Protein backbone atom coordinates (compact mmCIF):
# COMPACT_ATOMS: atom_id res chain seq x y z
CA MET A 1 -40.57 26.57 4.95
CA ASN A 2 -37.79 29.10 4.54
CA ARG A 3 -37.83 31.90 1.98
CA THR A 4 -35.27 30.28 -0.32
CA SER A 5 -37.23 27.02 -0.52
CA PHE A 6 -40.40 28.93 -1.27
CA GLN A 7 -38.70 30.94 -4.02
CA LEU A 8 -37.19 27.79 -5.50
CA MET A 9 -40.57 26.10 -5.52
CA PHE A 10 -42.19 29.02 -7.35
CA ALA A 11 -39.40 29.28 -9.91
CA ALA A 12 -39.63 25.58 -10.64
CA ALA A 13 -43.37 25.80 -11.07
CA GLY A 14 -42.83 28.44 -13.74
CA VAL A 15 -40.64 26.13 -15.74
CA LEU A 16 -43.44 23.59 -15.97
CA LEU A 17 -46.04 26.07 -17.10
CA LEU A 18 -43.73 27.44 -19.72
CA ALA A 19 -42.91 23.93 -20.93
CA GLY A 20 -46.55 23.04 -21.26
CA SER A 21 -47.41 26.17 -23.19
CA LEU A 22 -44.47 25.73 -25.54
CA THR A 23 -45.15 22.09 -26.34
CA ALA A 24 -48.69 23.08 -27.32
CA GLN A 25 -47.39 25.31 -30.11
CA GLN A 26 -48.13 24.53 -33.72
CA PRO A 27 -45.56 22.42 -35.60
CA GLY A 28 -43.06 24.54 -37.44
CA GLN A 29 -42.84 27.26 -34.81
CA GLY A 30 -39.66 27.72 -32.86
CA GLN A 31 -37.28 26.75 -35.65
CA GLY A 32 -34.36 28.78 -36.81
CA GLN A 33 -31.95 31.04 -34.99
CA GLY A 34 -29.93 29.67 -32.15
CA ALA A 35 -31.19 26.13 -32.40
CA PRO A 36 -28.94 24.09 -30.13
CA GLY A 37 -26.71 21.69 -32.07
CA GLY A 38 -29.44 19.38 -33.33
CA ARG A 39 -30.48 15.95 -32.19
CA GLN A 40 -28.20 14.04 -29.91
CA GLY A 41 -29.75 10.70 -30.80
CA GLY A 42 -27.67 8.01 -32.38
CA GLY A 43 -28.22 6.65 -35.85
CA GLY A 44 -31.18 6.66 -38.20
CA GLY A 45 -34.19 4.45 -37.66
CA GLY A 46 -36.94 7.01 -37.82
CA ARG A 47 -40.34 6.62 -36.20
CA ALA A 48 -43.70 6.57 -37.89
CA GLY A 49 -44.27 9.70 -39.92
CA GLY A 50 -40.58 10.01 -40.72
CA ALA A 51 -39.67 11.71 -37.43
CA PRO A 52 -36.08 11.07 -36.33
CA ALA A 53 -35.13 9.03 -33.28
CA GLY A 54 -35.32 10.72 -29.86
CA TYR A 55 -32.72 12.78 -28.08
CA GLN A 56 -30.22 11.27 -25.64
CA ASN A 57 -30.41 11.89 -21.91
CA LEU A 58 -33.81 13.55 -21.71
CA GLN A 59 -34.93 12.97 -18.14
CA VAL A 60 -37.79 15.40 -17.55
CA LEU A 61 -38.92 16.20 -21.10
CA PRO A 62 -40.67 13.68 -23.35
CA ARG A 63 -38.16 11.50 -25.18
CA ASP A 64 -40.11 11.91 -28.42
CA ILE A 65 -40.30 15.71 -28.26
CA GLN A 66 -40.02 17.28 -31.69
CA GLN A 67 -37.13 19.62 -32.48
CA PRO A 68 -39.29 22.76 -32.91
CA GLN A 69 -40.86 22.24 -29.48
CA LEU A 70 -37.53 21.47 -27.81
CA ASN A 71 -35.90 24.52 -29.39
CA ALA A 72 -38.79 26.74 -28.28
CA PHE A 73 -38.57 25.28 -24.77
CA MET A 74 -34.84 25.98 -24.60
CA ARG A 75 -35.32 29.51 -25.92
CA SER A 76 -37.83 30.07 -23.13
CA PHE A 77 -35.01 29.40 -20.65
CA GLU A 78 -32.82 31.91 -22.47
CA SER A 79 -35.52 34.55 -22.13
CA ALA A 80 -36.67 33.84 -18.57
CA LEU A 81 -33.15 33.44 -17.14
CA GLY A 82 -31.18 35.75 -19.42
CA VAL A 83 -28.77 32.94 -20.39
CA THR A 84 -27.62 31.18 -23.56
CA CYS A 85 -27.11 27.51 -24.43
CA GLU A 86 -23.66 27.25 -22.84
CA HIS A 87 -25.10 28.11 -19.42
CA CYS A 88 -26.44 24.54 -19.10
CA HIS A 89 -24.88 22.66 -22.02
CA VAL A 90 -21.42 21.85 -23.32
CA TYR A 91 -21.99 24.16 -26.27
CA PHE A 92 -19.45 26.04 -28.35
CA GLY A 93 -21.73 27.45 -31.04
CA GLN A 94 -24.11 26.19 -33.67
CA GLY A 95 -22.66 23.35 -35.73
CA ASN A 96 -19.52 22.92 -33.60
CA ALA A 97 -18.45 19.27 -33.45
CA MET A 98 -17.47 19.69 -29.78
CA ASN A 99 -21.08 20.42 -28.73
CA ASN A 100 -22.45 17.81 -26.34
CA MET A 101 -25.99 18.78 -25.44
CA ALA A 102 -26.58 15.42 -23.71
CA SER A 103 -23.71 15.91 -21.24
CA ASP A 104 -24.50 16.35 -17.55
CA ASP A 105 -21.17 18.08 -16.85
CA LYS A 106 -22.70 21.44 -15.94
CA PRO A 107 -24.45 21.87 -12.58
CA ALA A 108 -26.91 24.35 -14.09
CA LYS A 109 -28.42 21.55 -16.20
CA LYS A 110 -29.04 19.47 -13.10
CA THR A 111 -30.58 22.49 -11.39
CA ALA A 112 -32.86 23.09 -14.39
CA ARG A 113 -34.14 19.52 -14.18
CA LEU A 114 -34.87 19.94 -10.49
CA MET A 115 -36.67 23.20 -11.13
CA ILE A 116 -38.80 21.70 -13.92
CA GLY A 117 -39.91 18.97 -11.53
CA LEU A 118 -40.68 21.45 -8.77
CA VAL A 119 -42.74 23.60 -11.12
CA ARG A 120 -44.72 20.60 -12.32
CA ASP A 121 -45.40 19.46 -8.78
CA PHE A 122 -46.31 22.92 -7.54
CA ASN A 123 -48.69 23.77 -10.39
CA ALA A 124 -50.33 20.33 -10.22
CA ARG A 125 -50.84 20.73 -6.49
CA LEU A 126 -52.11 24.28 -6.95
CA ILE A 127 -54.72 23.05 -9.42
CA SER A 128 -55.83 20.08 -7.31
CA ASP A 129 -55.76 21.81 -3.90
CA VAL A 130 -57.46 25.05 -4.95
CA GLY A 131 -60.05 23.24 -7.01
CA LYS A 132 -60.16 25.71 -9.91
CA ALA A 133 -59.66 25.01 -13.58
CA PRO A 134 -56.07 25.61 -14.77
CA ALA A 135 -57.27 28.50 -16.94
CA GLN A 136 -58.55 30.27 -13.80
CA LEU A 137 -55.19 30.17 -12.01
CA THR A 138 -51.99 32.07 -12.55
CA GLN A 139 -49.48 29.25 -12.67
CA VAL A 140 -45.84 29.67 -11.81
CA GLN A 141 -43.24 29.72 -14.58
CA CYS A 142 -39.51 30.44 -14.86
CA GLY A 143 -39.95 34.17 -15.30
CA THR A 144 -42.16 34.39 -12.21
CA CYS A 145 -39.03 34.41 -10.06
CA HIS A 146 -36.09 34.74 -12.43
CA ARG A 147 -37.29 37.80 -14.35
CA GLY A 148 -34.40 37.64 -16.78
CA SER A 149 -31.73 36.76 -14.21
CA ALA A 150 -30.01 33.37 -13.90
CA ILE A 151 -30.11 33.67 -10.12
CA PRO A 152 -33.43 35.07 -8.86
CA LYS A 153 -33.18 38.11 -6.65
CA TYR A 154 -35.55 38.50 -3.74
CA GLU A 155 -37.28 41.84 -3.76
CA ALA A 156 -39.02 42.62 -0.51
CA PRO A 157 -42.39 44.30 -0.85
CA ALA A 158 -42.62 47.94 0.12
CA PRO A 159 -43.70 48.51 3.72
CA PRO A 160 -47.35 49.45 4.18
CA ALA A 161 -48.08 53.14 3.92
CA ALA A 162 -48.67 54.99 7.18
CA ALA A 163 -52.29 55.73 8.01
CA PRO A 164 -53.47 59.28 7.27
CA GLY A 165 -52.98 61.57 10.24
CA GLY A 166 -49.86 59.79 11.40
CA GLY A 167 -51.80 57.51 13.74
CA GLY A 168 -49.82 54.48 12.62
CA GLY A 169 -52.80 52.21 12.18
CA ARG A 170 -54.97 50.39 14.69
CA GLN A 171 -52.67 50.24 17.64
CA GLY A 172 -54.31 51.21 20.89
CA GLY A 173 -57.58 53.02 21.50
CA GLY A 174 -59.59 51.57 18.65
CA ARG A 175 -62.88 49.74 18.84
CA GLY A 176 -63.25 46.01 18.62
CA GLY A 177 -59.67 44.87 18.99
CA ALA A 178 -57.89 42.17 17.12
């Protein structure tokens, strides 16, 4: 597996973890500032409990997601990737009639969907293959790789420090061998 594929897999895994933690929030959190243009669903016809009809074109998030959870999820992208709504959506500002949050016109939205799926798959596999409880694992989320940047930057680890005395490690003359 090449480095780019590995990085993509980790970034996608982060999206899933973040989504899961945000959807577990208490109702009423995540409302307010910067809420993207409202529901894209058509017409009335509420569900039980008076909740409005679902959003249009949700492909990886639950179709019945509540607005506070969706807004919090979207704000998590803003934070982890350092972007705003218009990065993925046809969005001209809160309340603008030209907003089309359901549109698939922007490639970044398609990429986000792919990344969410990769994160879900990676974290699920991590949990099942390692055999530990989810609470015992550090799961991948958007910020794991993106760290506030829309395009993650690879940062190579620092080279190992030289051994004291300038010997350069275990090469030659040591006991035991490799």
